[in-house]
Amino acid sequence: MPSESSTRPTVTNGVPLSGTATPLASTIVTMQLGLALTLLLGLMFLSGGMFYLYTFNYDIGPYFTITRVIHFYAGFASIPFLVAKYGSTTLRAAGYYLRIPRFYKAGPPSPMNRVLSPLLVLNFFVLYFSGLYMIFHYYYTVTNIPPFEFKPVQVHMWAAVIAVPLIGVHLGTHFLEAIRGLAEERQTLAVRERAAPGSTRAAFTRKAFLGTVIAGGLGLAFAFQNTRLGRTNFHGLFIGRVPEAERGGPGGFPSETLFGMAEIDLAAWRLQLEDADGVVRELDYQQLLALAPVSERIRVSCVSGWTARAVWSGPRVRDVLSLVDPLGEARSIEFHSASNYSWVWHAGRLRGDDALLATHLGGMPLSLDHGFPVRLMVPGYPGQNMVKQLDRISVRRADERQDPDFKLARAGDTSGCGASV
């Protein structure tokens, strides 16, 4: 006959480790979910910081594509972990207040948890809601969220800023405890297995549960970043970003032009090239086409989440700049759109072989959606930098982007993808 001690459920940190308990009730599951979520949130916030630098036009190089991949893959992958983590902690907290024996013995949540957890739940809801809204809704920079009428991009940014100290306090109070508790529970499980072989069924169940969470996260990330799911119309709930006129053609990928498109009279249109002294030279459309064209497969990546590769054709930027900057003295260059959108570039980023003034897409002249008659295309940067419907290029000997007042002025024009993609 087994002794009382061999039949009593093993307890770690006051929570019995019943082999029949749901995986959500296990402290080891909560700890593992928390550690995984910490890593994913770290990737999200680091890449989000890079988004901030790109938005404020800091010269940080052609790394936006990998930044976008990290941010959106980590964001989607974290959703099942976040749901499971809060499901686990909520179950145990509810079990205590409902006086379920195996949870009640563990004692009440700490005063810090009782204050911090609701704040984190609210913050994460706002953070993820605004992030998903921007991914799935076309008008993510101009549609305001009631009741305060904030733009989604502003809501998302401030939710992230507030989340950092909240998560910092949470980690500071629980990280060492989680590591210590994880080691203790593993030791307890090993003792139980030696005392009662076959009692690892609970451990197998936990691994299956965690495997399901991991698979769910990877599935979400892949589905909404690598399949048509992220571009599908859901009966008006979400608005697909592929214009109807572009579907099935070379421009059949997302296009965002949030600040208006100008009507272009090609006979009257001119591309103005302004040198550093204010002298202007003009090219009409035929003169632009006469410049030696090249074709490059360039990936466009938008801060709202989507990405697309296509073959763009047109003269190299450096060849066009040589008409007004033959000595290569320019430090910064402003690209202005007929829709009155503009972006200032560091000149050095535009002198490579693959920086183009694109006039064609997939062998066809640009459509209005993709920037007719000409747009800038440079790989490795956000789509908001690729100004559409160019009508003026201005060369500057000074680097205007280093002026703090200039950066603040630009901030109002660059939330989202602007008039660029």
Protein backbone atom coordinates (compact mmCIF):
# COMPACT_ATOMS: atom_id res chain seq x y z
CA MET A 1 0.00 0.00 0.00
CA PRO A 2 1.54 3.32 -1.00
CA SER A 3 2.35 5.79 1.72
CA GLU A 4 0.52 9.09 2.11
CA SER A 5 3.56 10.97 0.89
CA SER A 6 3.66 8.99 -2.35
CA THR A 7 0.02 9.72 -3.18
CA ARG A 8 0.00 13.38 -2.24
CA PRO A 9 0.34 15.67 -5.29
CA THR A 10 3.78 17.22 -5.59
CA VAL A 11 3.74 20.94 -4.95
CA THR A 12 6.05 23.57 -6.41
CA ASN A 13 5.68 27.15 -5.21
CA GLY A 14 2.45 26.01 -3.61
CA VAL A 15 0.90 24.71 -6.85
CA PRO A 16 0.39 20.93 -7.06
CA LEU A 17 1.71 19.28 -10.19
CA SER A 18 -1.17 16.99 -10.94
CA GLY A 19 -0.62 14.76 -13.92
CA THR A 20 -4.23 15.25 -14.98
CA ALA A 21 -4.26 19.03 -14.72
CA THR A 22 -4.60 21.18 -17.81
CA PRO A 23 -1.26 22.44 -19.15
CA LEU A 24 -2.50 25.98 -18.56
CA ALA A 25 -2.48 25.26 -14.82
CA SER A 26 1.20 24.38 -14.80
CA THR A 27 3.71 26.89 -13.50
CA ILE A 28 6.32 25.43 -15.83
CA VAL A 29 4.09 26.27 -18.83
CA THR A 30 3.54 29.82 -17.55
CA MET A 31 7.27 30.31 -17.12
CA GLN A 32 8.15 28.92 -20.54
CA LEU A 33 5.47 31.01 -22.21
CA GLY A 34 6.74 34.08 -20.38
CA LEU A 35 10.35 33.51 -21.43
CA ALA A 36 9.36 32.95 -25.08
CA LEU A 37 7.12 36.01 -25.03
CA THR A 38 9.93 38.10 -23.56
CA LEU A 39 12.18 37.18 -26.50
CA LEU A 40 9.48 37.94 -29.07
CA LEU A 41 8.57 41.25 -27.44
CA GLY A 42 12.25 42.17 -27.35
CA LEU A 43 12.50 41.61 -31.10
CA MET A 44 9.33 43.60 -31.65
CA PHE A 45 10.47 46.60 -29.63
CA LEU A 46 13.98 46.64 -31.10
CA SER A 47 12.66 46.50 -34.66
CA GLY A 48 9.98 49.04 -33.69
CA GLY A 49 12.76 51.38 -32.65
CA MET A 50 14.25 50.98 -36.11
CA PHE A 51 10.85 51.86 -37.59
CA TYR A 52 10.95 55.06 -35.56
CA LEU A 53 14.38 55.97 -36.94
CA TYR A 54 13.24 55.35 -40.51
CA THR A 55 10.09 57.40 -39.97
CA PHE A 56 12.12 60.33 -38.73
CA ASN A 57 14.45 59.98 -41.70
CA TYR A 58 17.68 59.02 -39.97
CA ASP A 59 20.38 57.77 -42.31
CA ILE A 60 20.60 54.18 -41.05
CA GLY A 61 21.15 52.32 -44.29
CA PRO A 62 19.20 49.86 -46.46
CA TYR A 63 18.09 47.53 -43.68
CA PHE A 64 14.37 48.16 -43.67
CA THR A 65 13.44 44.86 -45.32
CA ILE A 66 14.96 42.75 -42.54
CA THR A 67 13.57 45.19 -39.93
CA ARG A 68 10.08 44.71 -41.37
CA VAL A 69 10.48 40.93 -41.43
CA ILE A 70 11.54 40.80 -37.77
CA HIS A 71 8.83 43.18 -36.57
CA PHE A 72 5.88 41.57 -38.30
CA TYR A 73 6.95 37.94 -37.94
CA ALA A 74 7.64 38.44 -34.24
CA GLY A 75 4.38 40.35 -33.85
CA PHE A 76 2.19 37.67 -35.42
CA ALA A 77 4.11 34.82 -33.78
CA SER A 78 3.69 36.40 -30.34
CA ILE A 79 -0.13 36.42 -30.44
CA PRO A 80 -0.66 32.75 -29.45
CA PHE A 81 2.03 33.06 -26.78
CA LEU A 82 0.36 36.16 -25.35
CA VAL A 83 -3.08 34.54 -25.32
CA ALA A 84 -1.73 31.35 -23.73
CA LYS A 85 0.34 33.26 -21.17
CA TYR A 86 -2.61 35.31 -19.97
CA GLY A 87 -4.84 32.26 -20.16
CA SER A 88 -2.45 30.48 -17.81
CA THR A 89 -2.10 33.30 -15.28
CA THR A 90 -5.83 34.09 -15.40
CA LEU A 91 -6.70 30.44 -14.76
CA ARG A 92 -4.50 30.24 -11.71
CA ALA A 93 -5.65 33.62 -10.35
CA ALA A 94 -9.29 32.71 -10.89
CA GLY A 95 -8.65 29.33 -9.26
CA TYR A 96 -7.41 31.07 -6.14
CA TYR A 97 -10.38 33.42 -5.86
CA LEU A 98 -12.77 30.51 -6.56
CA ARG A 99 -10.97 28.59 -3.78
CA ILE A 100 -10.09 25.63 -5.96
CA PRO A 101 -7.78 23.68 -3.61
CA ARG A 102 -4.72 23.24 -5.84
CA PHE A 103 -4.70 26.96 -6.69
CA TYR A 104 -5.84 28.25 -3.31
CA LYS A 105 -2.88 26.56 -1.61
CA ALA A 106 -0.54 28.63 -3.78
CA GLY A 107 -1.77 31.81 -2.12
CA PRO A 108 -3.09 35.05 -3.63
CA PRO A 109 -1.40 36.95 -6.47
CA SER A 110 1.14 39.42 -5.17
CA PRO A 111 0.03 43.05 -4.70
CA MET A 112 2.34 44.02 -7.56
CA ASN A 113 0.66 41.52 -9.88
CA ARG A 114 -2.79 42.72 -8.90
CA VAL A 115 -1.85 46.24 -9.98
CA LEU A 116 0.46 45.49 -12.90
CA SER A 117 -1.41 42.68 -14.65
CA PRO A 118 -4.57 44.68 -15.51
CA LEU A 119 -2.41 47.53 -16.82
CA LEU A 120 -0.42 45.13 -18.99
CA VAL A 121 -3.58 43.49 -20.31
CA LEU A 122 -5.04 46.87 -21.27
CA ASN A 123 -1.77 48.03 -22.81
CA PHE A 124 -1.30 44.85 -24.83
CA PHE A 125 -4.87 45.06 -26.10
CA VAL A 126 -4.30 48.62 -27.36
CA LEU A 127 -0.87 47.74 -28.76
CA TYR A 128 -2.02 44.69 -30.69
CA PHE A 129 -5.36 46.15 -31.78
CA SER A 130 -3.71 49.22 -33.28
CA GLY A 131 -0.99 47.10 -34.88
CA LEU A 132 -3.44 44.69 -36.48
CA TYR A 133 -5.64 47.60 -37.54
CA MET A 134 -2.74 49.13 -39.45
CA ILE A 135 -1.88 45.82 -41.09
CA PHE A 136 -5.38 45.01 -42.28
CA HIS A 137 -7.01 48.38 -42.81
CA TYR A 138 -6.06 50.46 -45.82
CA TYR A 139 -6.62 53.86 -44.21
CA TYR A 140 -4.36 53.18 -41.30
CA THR A 141 -2.95 56.70 -41.03
CA VAL A 142 -6.01 58.80 -41.76
CA THR A 143 -8.80 56.88 -40.01
CA ASN A 144 -9.09 57.98 -36.41
CA ILE A 145 -9.88 55.60 -33.54
CA PRO A 146 -12.66 56.81 -31.19
CA PRO A 147 -13.24 58.09 -28.61
CA PHE A 148 -10.14 60.32 -28.69
CA GLU A 149 -9.82 60.33 -32.48
CA PHE A 150 -6.15 59.31 -32.46
CA LYS A 151 -4.61 57.96 -35.61
CA PRO A 152 -3.79 54.23 -35.34
CA VAL A 153 -0.09 54.81 -35.93
CA GLN A 154 -0.02 57.30 -33.03
CA VAL A 155 -1.92 54.91 -30.76
CA HIS A 156 0.47 52.09 -31.64
CA MET A 157 3.56 54.18 -30.97
CA TRP A 158 2.39 55.46 -27.58
CA ALA A 159 1.18 52.03 -26.51
CA ALA A 160 4.67 50.72 -27.26
CA VAL A 161 6.29 53.56 -25.32
CA ILE A 162 4.09 52.89 -22.29
CA ALA A 163 4.64 49.12 -22.58
CA VAL A 164 8.40 49.37 -22.13
CA PRO A 165 8.44 50.49 -18.44
CA LEU A 166 5.48 48.23 -17.59
CA ILE A 167 7.22 45.18 -19.03
CA GLY A 168 10.49 46.28 -17.43
CA VAL A 169 8.92 46.31 -13.97
CA HIS A 170 7.19 43.01 -14.65
CA LEU A 171 10.42 41.33 -15.74
CA GLY A 172 12.34 42.87 -12.87
CA THR A 173 9.97 41.34 -10.33
CA HIS A 174 9.50 37.96 -11.98
CA PHE A 175 12.51 37.07 -14.12
CA LEU A 176 14.76 35.59 -11.42
CA GLU A 177 11.73 34.04 -9.76
CA ALA A 178 10.76 32.39 -13.04
CA ILE A 179 14.24 31.01 -13.67
CA ARG A 180 14.46 29.66 -10.13
CA GLY A 181 10.94 28.24 -10.24
CA LEU A 182 11.57 26.59 -13.58
CA ALA A 183 14.64 24.80 -12.23
CA GLU A 184 12.79 23.73 -9.07
CA GLU A 185 9.85 22.36 -11.01
CA ARG A 186 12.09 20.41 -13.38
CA GLN A 187 13.81 18.89 -10.35
CA THR A 188 10.45 18.01 -8.81
CA LEU A 189 9.31 16.35 -12.03
CA ALA A 190 12.47 14.28 -12.10
CA VAL A 191 11.87 13.13 -8.51
CA ARG A 192 8.29 12.19 -9.35
CA GLU A 193 9.38 10.18 -12.37
CA ARG A 194 11.88 8.21 -10.30
CA ALA A 195 9.29 7.59 -7.60
CA ALA A 196 6.47 6.73 -10.02
CA PRO A 197 7.63 5.77 -13.52
CA GLY A 198 5.13 6.80 -16.15
CA SER A 199 4.14 9.98 -14.35
CA THR A 200 5.64 12.05 -17.20
CA ARG A 201 2.31 12.08 -19.00
CA ALA A 202 1.75 15.64 -17.74
CA ALA A 203 5.14 16.68 -19.10
CA PHE A 204 4.22 15.20 -22.50
CA THR A 205 0.92 17.08 -22.41
CA ARG A 206 2.72 20.32 -21.64
CA LYS A 207 5.14 19.79 -24.52
CA ALA A 208 2.24 19.09 -26.87
CA PHE A 209 0.51 22.25 -25.68
CA LEU A 210 3.63 24.38 -26.12
CA GLY A 211 4.20 22.80 -29.52
CA THR A 212 0.70 23.83 -30.53
CA VAL A 213 1.33 27.41 -29.39
CA ILE A 214 4.61 27.54 -31.32
CA ALA A 215 3.00 26.09 -34.45
CA GLY A 216 0.15 28.57 -34.15
CA GLY A 217 2.55 31.50 -33.90
CA LEU A 218 4.63 30.38 -36.86
CA GLY A 219 1.47 29.67 -38.84
CA LEU A 220 0.05 33.14 -38.24
CA ALA A 221 3.35 34.81 -39.12
CA PHE A 222 3.72 32.83 -42.34
CA ALA A 223 0.08 33.09 -43.41
CA PHE A 224 -0.17 36.86 -43.12
CA GLN A 225 3.29 37.61 -44.50
CA ASN A 226 3.77 35.01 -47.23
CA THR A 227 0.32 34.17 -48.57
CA ARG A 228 -2.64 35.95 -50.13
CA LEU A 229 -4.44 35.93 -46.79
CA GLY A 230 -2.99 39.28 -45.81
CA ARG A 231 -4.29 40.87 -49.03
CA THR A 232 -7.80 39.44 -49.08
CA ASN A 233 -10.97 41.52 -48.88
CA PHE A 234 -13.14 40.43 -45.96
CA HIS A 235 -16.48 41.88 -47.06
CA GLY A 236 -15.54 45.40 -46.11
CA LEU A 237 -14.22 44.53 -42.65
CA PHE A 238 -10.64 44.72 -43.90
CA ILE A 239 -9.71 46.38 -47.14
CA GLY A 240 -7.27 44.60 -49.45
CA ARG A 241 -4.47 46.82 -50.69
CA VAL A 242 -4.25 45.50 -54.27
CA PRO A 243 -6.14 47.96 -56.48
CA GLU A 244 -8.82 46.29 -58.56
CA ALA A 245 -7.36 47.76 -61.75
CA GLU A 246 -3.99 46.15 -61.00
CA ARG A 247 -5.14 42.60 -60.27
CA GLY A 248 -3.73 40.10 -62.74
CA GLY A 249 -1.21 42.55 -64.20
CA PRO A 250 2.44 43.39 -63.49
CA GLY A 251 1.31 45.82 -60.77
CA GLY A 252 -0.85 43.25 -59.01
CA PHE A 253 0.51 43.89 -55.52
CA PRO A 254 -0.44 46.36 -52.76
CA SER A 255 -0.32 50.07 -53.42
CA GLU A 256 -0.95 52.80 -50.86
CA THR A 257 -1.38 56.42 -51.77
CA LEU A 258 -2.88 58.02 -48.72
CA PHE A 259 -2.40 61.73 -49.42
CA GLY A 260 -3.96 61.87 -52.85
CA MET A 261 -2.91 61.31 -56.43
CA ALA A 262 -2.51 64.15 -58.89
CA GLU A 263 -4.05 64.11 -62.34
CA ILE A 264 -1.14 64.21 -64.79
CA ASP A 265 -1.37 65.87 -68.20
CA LEU A 266 1.59 64.15 -69.82
CA ALA A 267 1.90 66.77 -72.57
CA ALA A 268 2.34 69.50 -69.95
CA TRP A 269 4.21 67.45 -67.34
CA ARG A 270 7.87 68.22 -66.78
CA LEU A 271 10.42 66.77 -64.37
CA GLN A 272 12.22 69.76 -62.89
CA LEU A 273 15.85 69.24 -61.91
CA GLU A 274 17.05 71.97 -59.56
CA ASP A 275 20.75 72.34 -58.87
CA ALA A 276 22.29 73.61 -55.63
CA ASP A 277 22.22 77.21 -56.91
CA GLY A 278 18.52 77.11 -57.73
CA VAL A 279 18.96 76.77 -61.48
CA VAL A 280 16.26 74.54 -62.94
CA ARG A 281 16.49 72.21 -65.91
CA GLU A 282 13.39 70.44 -67.23
CA LEU A 283 12.87 67.05 -68.85
CA ASP A 284 9.67 66.06 -70.59
CA TYR A 285 8.49 62.47 -70.60
CA GLN A 286 10.13 61.55 -73.90
CA GLN A 287 13.45 63.05 -72.83
CA LEU A 288 13.28 61.04 -69.61
CA LEU A 289 12.59 57.84 -71.55
CA ALA A 290 15.54 58.61 -73.82
CA LEU A 291 17.98 58.31 -70.92
CA ALA A 292 19.64 54.88 -70.75
CA PRO A 293 17.19 52.59 -68.90
CA VAL A 294 18.10 49.67 -66.67
CA SER A 295 15.90 47.01 -65.10
CA GLU A 296 16.18 45.81 -61.50
CA ARG A 297 14.11 43.43 -59.40
CA ILE A 298 13.45 45.54 -56.32
CA ARG A 299 11.48 44.69 -53.19
CA VAL A 300 9.05 47.29 -51.90
CA SER A 301 8.35 46.98 -48.18
CA CYS A 302 5.78 49.11 -46.42
CA VAL A 303 5.69 50.10 -42.76
CA SER A 304 2.10 48.82 -42.67
CA GLY A 305 3.34 45.27 -43.14
CA TRP A 306 3.27 44.11 -46.74
CA THR A 307 6.14 43.47 -49.14
CA ALA A 308 6.37 42.77 -52.88
CA ARG A 309 9.12 42.17 -55.42
CA ALA A 310 8.79 43.33 -59.03
CA VAL A 311 10.92 44.37 -61.99
CA TRP A 312 11.21 48.15 -62.23
CA SER A 313 12.81 49.93 -65.19
CA GLY A 314 14.11 53.43 -65.80
CA PRO A 315 17.27 55.53 -65.76
CA ARG A 316 19.61 55.34 -62.79
CA VAL A 317 19.22 58.18 -60.31
CA ARG A 318 22.91 59.01 -60.57
CA ASP A 319 22.63 59.48 -64.33
CA VAL A 320 19.78 61.94 -63.92
CA LEU A 321 21.55 63.75 -61.08
CA SER A 322 24.65 64.17 -63.23
CA LEU A 323 22.65 66.62 -65.36
CA VAL A 324 22.56 69.12 -62.46
CA ASP A 325 25.30 67.81 -60.15
CA PRO A 326 28.13 66.75 -62.49
CA LEU A 327 30.79 66.91 -59.75
CA GLY A 328 28.80 64.87 -57.26
CA GLU A 329 28.87 67.60 -54.61
CA ALA A 330 25.29 67.07 -53.41
CA ARG A 331 24.84 66.09 -49.75
CA SER A 332 21.05 65.73 -49.75
CA ILE A 333 18.39 65.51 -52.42
CA GLU A 334 14.68 66.29 -52.12
CA PHE A 335 12.18 64.37 -54.22
CA HIS A 336 8.85 66.14 -54.62
CA SER A 337 5.58 64.68 -55.88
CA ALA A 338 2.89 66.32 -57.97
CA SER A 339 0.60 65.40 -55.06
CA ASN A 340 2.75 67.70 -52.86
CA TYR A 341 4.40 64.86 -50.91
CA SER A 342 8.20 64.97 -50.56
CA TRP A 343 11.13 63.13 -49.03
CA VAL A 344 14.76 64.15 -48.53
CA TRP A 345 17.50 61.57 -49.12
CA HIS A 346 21.17 61.42 -48.27
CA ALA A 347 22.81 61.74 -51.67
CA GLY A 348 25.22 58.89 -51.03
CA ARG A 349 22.33 56.41 -50.84
CA LEU A 350 21.32 57.17 -54.43
CA ARG A 351 24.57 56.74 -56.32
CA GLY A 352 24.46 52.95 -56.56
CA ASP A 353 23.57 50.81 -59.56
CA ASP A 354 20.11 49.85 -58.33
CA ALA A 355 18.66 53.27 -57.42
CA LEU A 356 16.24 54.06 -60.24
CA LEU A 357 13.80 56.65 -61.46
CA ALA A 358 11.28 54.03 -62.53
CA THR A 359 9.08 54.70 -65.53
CA HIS A 360 8.06 51.08 -66.16
CA LEU A 361 6.87 48.17 -64.04
CA GLY A 362 7.05 44.63 -65.42
CA GLY A 363 7.78 46.02 -68.89
CA MET A 364 4.72 48.28 -68.90
CA PRO A 365 4.51 52.05 -68.26
CA LEU A 366 3.67 52.85 -64.66
CA SER A 367 0.00 53.02 -63.79
CA LEU A 368 -1.39 55.89 -61.74
CA ASP A 369 -1.57 53.59 -58.69
CA HIS A 370 2.15 52.88 -58.90
CA GLY A 371 3.30 56.43 -59.53
CA PHE A 372 2.84 57.43 -63.18
CA PRO A 373 4.73 58.96 -64.87
CA VAL A 374 7.89 58.35 -62.78
CA ARG A 375 8.76 57.36 -59.23
CA LEU A 376 11.85 56.73 -57.14
CA MET A 377 12.85 53.12 -56.41
CA VAL A 378 15.72 52.22 -54.06
CA PRO A 379 16.02 48.75 -52.49
CA GLY A 380 16.26 48.26 -48.76
CA TYR A 381 14.25 51.30 -47.65
CA PRO A 382 10.60 51.83 -46.63
CA GLY A 383 8.09 52.33 -49.39
CA GLN A 384 7.22 55.74 -47.93
CA ASN A 385 10.63 56.95 -49.18
CA MET A 386 9.85 55.98 -52.78
CA VAL A 387 8.08 59.14 -53.87
CA LYS A 388 5.49 58.69 -56.62
CA GLN A 389 4.50 61.04 -59.43
CA LEU A 390 7.76 62.94 -59.29
CA ASP A 391 7.70 66.49 -60.63
CA ARG A 392 10.82 67.99 -59.03
CA ILE A 393 14.23 66.83 -57.80
CA SER A 394 16.24 69.40 -55.84
CA VAL A 395 19.95 69.06 -55.10
CA ARG A 396 21.41 70.49 -51.87
CA ARG A 397 25.03 70.95 -50.83
CA ALA A 398 24.02 70.70 -47.15
CA ASP A 399 22.53 67.63 -45.49
CA GLU A 400 19.09 68.94 -44.52
CA ARG A 401 18.25 65.73 -42.69
CA GLN A 402 20.69 66.58 -39.89
CA ASP A 403 18.63 69.63 -38.91
CA PRO A 404 16.45 68.67 -35.88
CA ASP A 405 13.74 71.12 -36.96
CA PHE A 406 13.68 69.44 -40.35
CA LYS A 407 13.21 66.01 -38.74
CA LEU A 408 10.27 67.24 -36.69
CA ALA A 409 8.69 68.86 -39.72
CA ARG A 410 9.04 65.63 -41.66
CA ALA A 411 7.35 63.62 -38.92
CA GLY A 412 3.98 65.03 -39.85
CA ASP A 413 4.39 63.87 -43.44
CA THR A 414 5.74 60.40 -42.93
CA SER A 415 3.33 58.49 -40.73
CA GLY A 416 2.68 55.34 -42.66
CA CYS A 417 3.57 54.99 -46.31
CA GLY A 418 2.65 58.52 -47.27
CA ALA A 419 2.04 59.22 -50.92
CA SER A 420 4.79 56.85 -51.81
CA VAL A 421 3.72 53.27 -52.30
